[in-house]
Amino acid sequence: SGDVVSVRTPMGGGLISSVRASPATFTPNGDGINDQVDIEYELRDLESLRQIEFRIYDLSGRLVREVVAAGTRSGSFAQAWDGRDEAGITVPPGIYFYQIDWATDQGNEVASGVVGVAY
């Protein structure tokens, strides 16, 4: 009542949530069907812009692709990956790890998962 504004948010959990790859397996062969994967995630930070980094690794742990986004605030986001490495070459079929790093006042918040590449 009165001149009070309140915002309800869930307590607990990480600042990065609801992370998933869509589709879980994709086929970057240029046919226009499932040529890229969207890594979808939600961020919770109401205070300031924060830099987010998105990386793809192969099973040996070798960095395949890296994307650094400018300042980001709370919300729902998706980062697309076209199945290409840093040199623009289509990666071989297999399982790849993705990792999202978000710099916060308390250190880095990290979320990760897997995505499949098939032909």
N, C-alpha and C. Protein backbone atom coordinates (compact mmCIF):
# COMPACT_ATOMS: atom_id res chain seq x y z
N SER A 1 0.83 -1.18 0.00
CA SER A 1 0.00 0.00 0.00
C SER A 1 0.87 1.24 0.00
N GLY A 2 0.35 2.36 -0.38
CA GLY A 2 1.10 3.60 -0.37
C GLY A 2 1.95 3.75 -1.62
N ASP A 3 3.08 4.44 -1.47
CA ASP A 3 3.98 4.72 -2.59
C ASP A 3 5.15 3.74 -2.65
N VAL A 4 4.91 2.48 -2.41
CA VAL A 4 5.96 1.48 -2.35
C VAL A 4 5.91 0.60 -3.60
N VAL A 5 7.07 0.39 -4.21
CA VAL A 5 7.19 -0.51 -5.34
C VAL A 5 8.04 -1.69 -4.90
N SER A 6 7.62 -2.89 -5.18
CA SER A 6 8.41 -4.06 -4.83
C SER A 6 8.56 -4.96 -6.05
N VAL A 7 9.67 -5.69 -6.06
CA VAL A 7 9.95 -6.63 -7.14
C VAL A 7 10.21 -7.98 -6.52
N ARG A 8 9.53 -9.01 -6.99
CA ARG A 8 9.74 -10.36 -6.46
C ARG A 8 10.64 -11.12 -7.42
N THR A 9 11.69 -11.71 -6.85
CA THR A 9 12.59 -12.56 -7.62
C THR A 9 12.85 -13.82 -6.82
N PRO A 10 13.12 -14.94 -7.48
CA PRO A 10 13.42 -16.16 -6.75
C PRO A 10 14.74 -16.02 -6.00
N MET A 11 14.81 -16.57 -4.81
CA MET A 11 16.03 -16.53 -4.00
C MET A 11 16.84 -17.79 -4.26
N GLY A 12 18.13 -17.68 -4.06
CA GLY A 12 19.00 -18.83 -4.21
C GLY A 12 19.33 -19.10 -5.66
N GLY A 13 20.17 -20.08 -5.86
CA GLY A 13 20.56 -20.43 -7.21
C GLY A 13 21.60 -19.49 -7.76
N GLY A 14 22.08 -19.79 -8.94
CA GLY A 14 23.12 -18.99 -9.55
C GLY A 14 22.57 -17.79 -10.29
N LEU A 15 23.49 -16.94 -10.69
CA LEU A 15 23.12 -15.77 -11.47
C LEU A 15 22.87 -16.14 -12.94
N ILE A 16 23.40 -17.29 -13.36
CA ILE A 16 23.13 -17.82 -14.70
C ILE A 16 22.23 -19.04 -14.51
N SER A 17 21.09 -19.06 -15.18
CA SER A 17 20.17 -20.18 -15.01
C SER A 17 19.50 -20.55 -16.33
N SER A 18 18.76 -21.63 -16.29
CA SER A 18 17.97 -22.11 -17.44
C SER A 18 18.84 -22.25 -18.69
N VAL A 19 20.03 -22.82 -18.54
CA VAL A 19 20.96 -22.96 -19.67
C VAL A 19 20.61 -24.23 -20.44
N ARG A 20 20.48 -24.07 -21.77
CA ARG A 20 20.21 -25.25 -22.62
C ARG A 20 20.62 -24.96 -24.05
N ALA A 21 20.91 -26.02 -24.78
CA ALA A 21 21.25 -25.94 -26.20
C ALA A 21 20.01 -26.33 -27.00
N SER A 22 19.71 -25.54 -28.03
CA SER A 22 18.55 -25.82 -28.86
C SER A 22 18.91 -25.66 -30.34
N PRO A 23 18.92 -26.74 -31.11
CA PRO A 23 18.69 -28.12 -30.73
C PRO A 23 19.92 -28.71 -30.02
N ALA A 24 19.74 -29.83 -29.33
CA ALA A 24 20.84 -30.46 -28.60
C ALA A 24 21.90 -31.01 -29.55
N THR A 25 21.50 -31.39 -30.75
CA THR A 25 22.43 -31.82 -31.81
C THR A 25 22.05 -31.05 -33.07
N PHE A 26 23.06 -30.49 -33.74
CA PHE A 26 22.77 -29.73 -34.96
C PHE A 26 23.70 -30.18 -36.07
N THR A 27 23.35 -29.77 -37.30
CA THR A 27 24.05 -30.23 -38.51
C THR A 27 24.47 -29.03 -39.35
N PRO A 28 25.64 -28.46 -39.09
CA PRO A 28 26.07 -27.25 -39.82
C PRO A 28 26.60 -27.57 -41.23
N ASN A 29 25.74 -28.13 -42.07
CA ASN A 29 26.17 -28.54 -43.41
C ASN A 29 25.67 -27.60 -44.51
N GLY A 30 25.04 -26.48 -44.14
CA GLY A 30 24.64 -25.50 -45.13
C GLY A 30 23.34 -25.78 -45.84
N ASP A 31 22.55 -26.77 -45.38
CA ASP A 31 21.29 -27.07 -46.05
C ASP A 31 20.12 -26.22 -45.55
N GLY A 32 20.38 -25.34 -44.58
CA GLY A 32 19.34 -24.47 -44.06
C GLY A 32 18.48 -25.09 -42.97
N ILE A 33 18.76 -26.32 -42.59
CA ILE A 33 18.01 -27.01 -41.54
C ILE A 33 18.96 -27.33 -40.39
N ASN A 34 18.68 -26.79 -39.21
CA ASN A 34 19.52 -27.01 -38.02
C ASN A 34 20.99 -26.71 -38.27
N ASP A 35 21.26 -25.61 -38.99
CA ASP A 35 22.65 -25.24 -39.30
C ASP A 35 23.37 -24.56 -38.16
N GLN A 36 22.66 -24.19 -37.10
CA GLN A 36 23.30 -23.58 -35.95
C GLN A 36 22.59 -24.02 -34.68
N VAL A 37 23.26 -23.85 -33.57
CA VAL A 37 22.68 -24.13 -32.27
C VAL A 37 22.56 -22.80 -31.52
N ASP A 38 21.51 -22.66 -30.75
CA ASP A 38 21.35 -21.50 -29.87
C ASP A 38 21.53 -21.97 -28.44
N ILE A 39 22.51 -21.42 -27.76
CA ILE A 39 22.70 -21.69 -26.35
C ILE A 39 21.89 -20.63 -25.61
N GLU A 40 20.82 -21.06 -24.97
CA GLU A 40 19.89 -20.15 -24.32
C GLU A 40 20.18 -20.12 -22.82
N TYR A 41 20.05 -18.93 -22.22
CA TYR A 41 20.33 -18.80 -20.79
C TYR A 41 19.66 -17.54 -20.25
N GLU A 42 19.51 -17.51 -18.94
CA GLU A 42 18.96 -16.35 -18.26
C GLU A 42 20.00 -15.80 -17.29
N LEU A 43 20.08 -14.48 -17.18
CA LEU A 43 21.02 -13.81 -16.28
C LEU A 43 20.22 -13.01 -15.25
N ARG A 44 20.72 -13.01 -14.01
CA ARG A 44 20.08 -12.23 -12.95
C ARG A 44 21.10 -11.29 -12.32
N ASP A 45 20.99 -10.01 -12.62
CA ASP A 45 21.81 -8.98 -11.99
C ASP A 45 21.15 -7.65 -12.30
N LEU A 46 20.57 -7.04 -11.32
CA LEU A 46 19.80 -5.82 -11.54
C LEU A 46 20.64 -4.56 -11.46
N GLU A 47 21.90 -4.66 -11.10
CA GLU A 47 22.68 -3.48 -10.76
C GLU A 47 23.47 -2.86 -11.90
N SER A 48 24.23 -3.64 -12.66
CA SER A 48 25.14 -3.02 -13.62
C SER A 48 25.40 -3.91 -14.82
N LEU A 49 25.99 -3.32 -15.85
CA LEU A 49 26.38 -4.07 -17.04
C LEU A 49 27.57 -4.96 -16.71
N ARG A 50 27.54 -6.17 -17.19
CA ARG A 50 28.62 -7.13 -16.96
C ARG A 50 29.02 -7.78 -18.27
N GLN A 51 30.29 -8.05 -18.44
CA GLN A 51 30.78 -8.72 -19.65
C GLN A 51 30.52 -10.22 -19.54
N ILE A 52 30.07 -10.81 -20.64
CA ILE A 52 29.85 -12.25 -20.68
C ILE A 52 30.71 -12.86 -21.76
N GLU A 53 31.29 -14.02 -21.46
CA GLU A 53 32.14 -14.74 -22.41
C GLU A 53 31.53 -16.11 -22.68
N PHE A 54 31.54 -16.48 -23.94
CA PHE A 54 30.96 -17.74 -24.39
C PHE A 54 32.04 -18.51 -25.13
N ARG A 55 32.33 -19.74 -24.70
CA ARG A 55 33.40 -20.54 -25.30
C ARG A 55 32.90 -21.93 -25.67
N ILE A 56 33.46 -22.46 -26.75
CA ILE A 56 33.19 -23.83 -27.19
C ILE A 56 34.51 -24.60 -27.12
N TYR A 57 34.47 -25.81 -26.54
CA TYR A 57 35.65 -26.66 -26.43
C TYR A 57 35.35 -28.02 -27.05
N ASP A 58 36.39 -28.67 -27.59
CA ASP A 58 36.21 -30.05 -28.04
C ASP A 58 36.44 -30.99 -26.86
N LEU A 59 36.31 -32.30 -27.08
CA LEU A 59 36.42 -33.26 -25.98
C LEU A 59 37.81 -33.30 -25.35
N SER A 60 38.84 -32.88 -26.09
CA SER A 60 40.19 -32.86 -25.52
C SER A 60 40.43 -31.61 -24.67
N GLY A 61 39.46 -30.69 -24.64
CA GLY A 61 39.60 -29.46 -23.87
C GLY A 61 40.19 -28.31 -24.67
N ARG A 62 40.40 -28.51 -25.96
CA ARG A 62 40.96 -27.46 -26.82
C ARG A 62 39.88 -26.43 -27.12
N LEU A 63 40.23 -25.15 -26.98
CA LEU A 63 39.30 -24.07 -27.29
C LEU A 63 39.04 -24.06 -28.79
N VAL A 64 37.77 -24.14 -29.18
CA VAL A 64 37.38 -24.16 -30.58
C VAL A 64 36.91 -22.78 -31.04
N ARG A 65 36.11 -22.11 -30.20
CA ARG A 65 35.54 -20.81 -30.57
C ARG A 65 35.29 -20.00 -29.32
N GLU A 66 35.50 -18.69 -29.42
CA GLU A 66 35.25 -17.81 -28.29
C GLU A 66 34.51 -16.56 -28.76
N VAL A 67 33.49 -16.16 -28.00
CA VAL A 67 32.75 -14.95 -28.27
C VAL A 67 32.70 -14.15 -26.97
N VAL A 68 33.07 -12.90 -27.03
CA VAL A 68 32.98 -12.02 -25.87
C VAL A 68 31.93 -10.97 -26.18
N ALA A 69 30.89 -10.95 -25.39
CA ALA A 69 29.80 -9.98 -25.59
C ALA A 69 30.06 -8.73 -24.76
N ALA A 70 29.57 -7.63 -25.23
CA ALA A 70 29.68 -6.37 -24.48
C ALA A 70 28.82 -6.47 -23.23
N GLY A 71 28.71 -5.39 -22.51
CA GLY A 71 27.96 -5.37 -21.27
C GLY A 71 26.56 -5.94 -21.40
N THR A 72 26.18 -6.76 -20.42
CA THR A 72 24.89 -7.42 -20.42
C THR A 72 24.25 -7.26 -19.05
N ARG A 73 22.95 -7.09 -19.02
CA ARG A 73 22.19 -7.02 -17.77
C ARG A 73 21.30 -8.25 -17.66
N SER A 74 20.42 -8.24 -16.70
CA SER A 74 19.48 -9.33 -16.49
C SER A 74 18.59 -9.53 -17.71
N GLY A 75 18.17 -10.77 -17.90
CA GLY A 75 17.25 -11.07 -18.98
C GLY A 75 17.48 -12.45 -19.54
N SER A 76 16.75 -12.77 -20.59
CA SER A 76 16.89 -14.04 -21.30
C SER A 76 17.67 -13.78 -22.58
N PHE A 77 18.64 -14.65 -22.87
CA PHE A 77 19.52 -14.45 -24.01
C PHE A 77 19.75 -15.77 -24.74
N ALA A 78 20.26 -15.67 -25.96
CA ALA A 78 20.68 -16.84 -26.73
C ALA A 78 21.93 -16.47 -27.50
N GLN A 79 22.92 -17.34 -27.44
CA GLN A 79 24.15 -17.15 -28.19
C GLN A 79 24.21 -18.22 -29.27
N ALA A 80 24.28 -17.82 -30.52
CA ALA A 80 24.30 -18.78 -31.63
C ALA A 80 25.72 -19.24 -31.92
N TRP A 81 25.86 -20.51 -32.30
CA TRP A 81 27.12 -21.06 -32.78
C TRP A 81 26.84 -21.78 -34.09
N ASP A 82 27.60 -21.44 -35.11
CA ASP A 82 27.39 -21.99 -36.45
C ASP A 82 28.20 -23.24 -36.75
N GLY A 83 28.85 -23.80 -35.73
CA GLY A 83 29.63 -25.02 -35.93
C GLY A 83 30.99 -24.78 -36.55
N ARG A 84 31.47 -23.54 -36.50
CA ARG A 84 32.78 -23.21 -37.06
C ARG A 84 33.75 -22.84 -35.96
N ASP A 85 35.04 -23.09 -36.23
CA ASP A 85 36.07 -22.73 -35.28
C ASP A 85 36.51 -21.28 -35.50
N GLU A 86 37.56 -20.86 -34.80
CA GLU A 86 38.03 -19.47 -34.91
C GLU A 86 38.51 -19.13 -36.32
N ALA A 87 38.96 -20.13 -37.08
CA ALA A 87 39.44 -19.91 -38.44
C ALA A 87 38.31 -19.95 -39.47
N GLY A 88 37.07 -20.19 -39.01
CA GLY A 88 35.94 -20.25 -39.93
C GLY A 88 35.73 -21.60 -40.58
N ILE A 89 36.43 -22.62 -40.09
CA ILE A 89 36.32 -23.97 -40.64
C ILE A 89 35.28 -24.76 -39.85
N THR A 90 34.41 -25.48 -40.56
CA THR A 90 33.39 -26.29 -39.91
C THR A 90 34.06 -27.39 -39.09
N VAL A 91 33.64 -27.54 -37.85
CA VAL A 91 34.24 -28.54 -36.96
C VAL A 91 33.80 -29.94 -37.36
N PRO A 92 34.60 -30.96 -37.01
CA PRO A 92 34.19 -32.34 -37.30
C PRO A 92 33.02 -32.76 -36.41
N PRO A 93 32.29 -33.80 -36.81
CA PRO A 93 31.19 -34.29 -35.98
C PRO A 93 31.72 -34.72 -34.61
N GLY A 94 30.87 -34.57 -33.60
CA GLY A 94 31.26 -35.00 -32.26
C GLY A 94 30.50 -34.24 -31.19
N ILE A 95 30.97 -34.41 -29.97
CA ILE A 95 30.39 -33.74 -28.81
C ILE A 95 31.29 -32.56 -28.44
N TYR A 96 30.69 -31.42 -28.17
CA TYR A 96 31.42 -30.21 -27.80
C TYR A 96 30.83 -29.66 -26.50
N PHE A 97 31.70 -29.07 -25.70
CA PHE A 97 31.29 -28.42 -24.46
C PHE A 97 31.15 -26.93 -24.70
N TYR A 98 30.14 -26.32 -24.14
CA TYR A 98 30.06 -24.86 -24.14
C TYR A 98 30.15 -24.37 -22.70
N GLN A 99 30.73 -23.20 -22.55
CA GLN A 99 30.89 -22.61 -21.23
C GLN A 99 30.54 -21.13 -21.31
N ILE A 100 29.75 -20.68 -20.35
CA ILE A 100 29.37 -19.27 -20.25
C ILE A 100 30.01 -18.73 -18.98
N ASP A 101 30.81 -17.67 -19.09
CA ASP A 101 31.43 -17.01 -17.94
C ASP A 101 30.88 -15.61 -17.85
N TRP A 102 30.47 -15.23 -16.64
CA TRP A 102 29.93 -13.90 -16.41
C TRP A 102 30.66 -13.29 -15.24
N ALA A 103 31.39 -12.20 -15.48
CA ALA A 103 32.15 -11.53 -14.43
C ALA A 103 31.20 -10.80 -13.49
N THR A 104 31.27 -11.11 -12.19
CA THR A 104 30.43 -10.46 -11.19
C THR A 104 31.31 -9.87 -10.10
N ASP A 105 30.70 -9.15 -9.18
CA ASP A 105 31.45 -8.57 -8.06
C ASP A 105 32.05 -9.66 -7.16
N GLN A 106 31.42 -10.81 -7.10
CA GLN A 106 31.90 -11.90 -6.26
C GLN A 106 32.79 -12.89 -7.01
N GLY A 107 33.21 -12.58 -8.23
CA GLY A 107 34.02 -13.50 -9.04
C GLY A 107 33.26 -13.89 -10.29
N ASN A 108 33.72 -14.93 -10.94
CA ASN A 108 33.06 -15.39 -12.16
C ASN A 108 31.95 -16.38 -11.85
N GLU A 109 30.83 -16.19 -12.51
CA GLU A 109 29.72 -17.14 -12.47
C GLU A 109 29.85 -17.97 -13.74
N VAL A 110 29.80 -19.28 -13.63
CA VAL A 110 30.04 -20.16 -14.78
C VAL A 110 28.88 -21.15 -14.93
N ALA A 111 28.49 -21.37 -16.18
CA ALA A 111 27.52 -22.41 -16.53
C ALA A 111 28.04 -23.13 -17.76
N SER A 112 27.72 -24.41 -17.88
CA SER A 112 28.24 -25.16 -19.03
C SER A 112 27.27 -26.27 -19.41
N GLY A 113 27.53 -26.87 -20.56
CA GLY A 113 26.72 -27.97 -21.05
C GLY A 113 27.37 -28.56 -22.29
N VAL A 114 26.66 -29.45 -22.95
CA VAL A 114 27.19 -30.12 -24.13
C VAL A 114 26.25 -29.92 -25.31
N VAL A 115 26.82 -30.01 -26.50
CA VAL A 115 26.05 -29.94 -27.73
C VAL A 115 26.70 -30.90 -28.73
N GLY A 116 25.90 -31.54 -29.56
CA GLY A 116 26.40 -32.47 -30.55
C GLY A 116 26.39 -31.88 -31.94
N VAL A 117 27.43 -32.22 -32.71
CA VAL A 117 27.52 -31.84 -34.12
C VAL A 117 27.47 -33.12 -34.92
N ALA A 118 26.57 -33.20 -35.89
CA ALA A 118 26.41 -34.40 -36.72
C ALA A 118 26.25 -33.97 -38.18
N TYR A 119 26.54 -34.93 -39.09
CA TYR A 119 26.36 -34.68 -40.53
C TYR A 119 25.62 -35.83 -41.16
